């Protein structure tokens, strides 16, 4: 799979982030422990949570203003897509 970063990576483990208002976000876990990603509304209400396996990655599709919070700084997030 080819991933083309459109912004610098973020580590939103201490504050929620809309990840540059991207609608597609690539999340990479750089440690040997699973981590948790929480998707929230722009107002901070939890929509869903998902675990990222140790040394794993995934792509999340979200609305531009929805926010992401990770359980650790070892989960990095990068904007990879925008939609109108």
Protein backbone atom coordinates (compact mmCIF):
# COMPACT_ATOMS: atom_id res chain seq x y z
CA UNK A 1 0.00 0.00 0.00
CA UNK A 2 1.21 3.49 -0.83
CA UNK A 3 0.51 6.23 1.71
CA UNK A 4 1.10 9.85 0.70
CA UNK A 5 1.32 12.15 3.74
CA UNK A 6 -0.38 15.52 3.25
CA UNK A 7 0.72 17.07 6.55
CA UNK A 8 3.21 16.50 9.33
CA UNK A 9 2.46 13.62 11.70
CA UNK A 10 0.72 14.37 14.97
CA UNK A 11 0.62 12.58 18.31
CA UNK A 12 -2.76 13.58 19.78
CA UNK A 13 -2.38 11.73 23.08
CA UNK A 14 -2.71 14.75 25.36
CA UNK A 15 -5.37 16.70 23.45
CA UNK A 16 -7.99 15.94 20.79
CA UNK A 17 -7.03 16.87 17.21
CA UNK A 18 -8.91 17.03 13.93
CA UNK A 19 -5.61 16.09 12.20
CA UNK A 20 -5.51 19.09 9.83
CA UNK A 21 -9.24 18.60 9.14
CA UNK A 22 -8.42 15.51 7.05
CA UNK A 23 -11.15 13.00 6.21
CA UNK A 24 -8.65 10.12 5.87
CA UNK A 25 -6.08 9.62 8.62
CA UNK A 26 -3.30 7.04 8.65
CA UNK A 27 -2.47 5.85 12.18
CA UNK A 28 0.72 3.95 12.98
CA UNK A 29 1.58 2.22 16.24
CA UNK A 30 5.34 2.32 16.78
CA UNK A 31 5.51 0.16 19.89
CA UNK A 32 5.13 -3.50 20.81
CA UNK A 33 1.92 -2.88 22.78
CA UNK A 34 -1.57 -2.32 21.40
CA UNK A 35 -2.95 1.22 21.64
CA UNK A 36 -6.40 2.77 21.54
CA UNK A 37 -7.73 5.45 19.20
CA UNK A 38 -10.88 7.36 20.10
CA UNK A 39 -12.92 9.16 17.44
CA UNK A 40 -14.92 12.14 18.76
CA UNK A 41 -17.35 14.72 17.43
CA UNK A 42 -16.12 18.29 17.04
CA UNK A 43 -17.74 18.92 20.43
CA UNK A 44 -15.77 16.14 22.13
CA UNK A 45 -18.45 13.42 22.36
CA UNK A 46 -17.03 9.91 21.79
CA UNK A 47 -18.25 8.26 18.58
CA UNK A 48 -16.12 5.11 18.61
CA UNK A 49 -12.90 3.54 19.88
CA UNK A 50 -10.63 1.11 18.10
CA UNK A 51 -7.49 -0.75 19.11
CA UNK A 52 -4.39 -0.55 16.95
CA UNK A 53 -2.33 -3.75 17.28
CA UNK A 54 1.31 -3.70 18.34
CA UNK A 55 3.48 -2.45 15.46
CA UNK A 56 0.31 -2.14 13.37
CA UNK A 57 -1.39 0.57 11.36
CA UNK A 58 -4.83 1.48 10.05
CA UNK A 59 -6.67 4.18 8.15
CA UNK A 60 -9.68 5.95 9.64
CA UNK A 61 -12.30 7.76 7.57
CA UNK A 62 -13.89 10.62 9.48
CA UNK A 63 -15.67 13.92 8.96
CA UNK A 64 -13.30 16.85 8.59
CA UNK A 65 -14.04 18.42 11.99
CA UNK A 66 -14.25 15.17 13.96
CA UNK A 67 -11.35 14.69 16.33
CA UNK A 68 -8.98 11.89 17.25
CA UNK A 69 -7.34 11.12 20.60
CA UNK A 70 -4.79 8.36 21.11
CA UNK A 71 -3.85 6.48 24.26
CA UNK A 72 -0.09 6.99 23.86
CA UNK A 73 2.50 9.11 22.05
CA UNK A 74 3.57 5.97 20.18
CA UNK A 75 0.41 6.23 18.04
CA UNK A 76 1.14 8.77 15.31
CA UNK A 77 -1.50 10.21 12.98
CA UNK A 78 -1.00 11.63 9.50
CA UNK A 79 -3.50 13.29 7.17
CA UNK A 80 -3.64 11.33 3.90
CA UNK A 81 -6.89 12.52 2.29
CA UNK A 82 -9.42 15.32 2.09
CA UNK A 83 -12.98 15.36 0.81
CA UNK A 84 -15.43 18.14 0.00
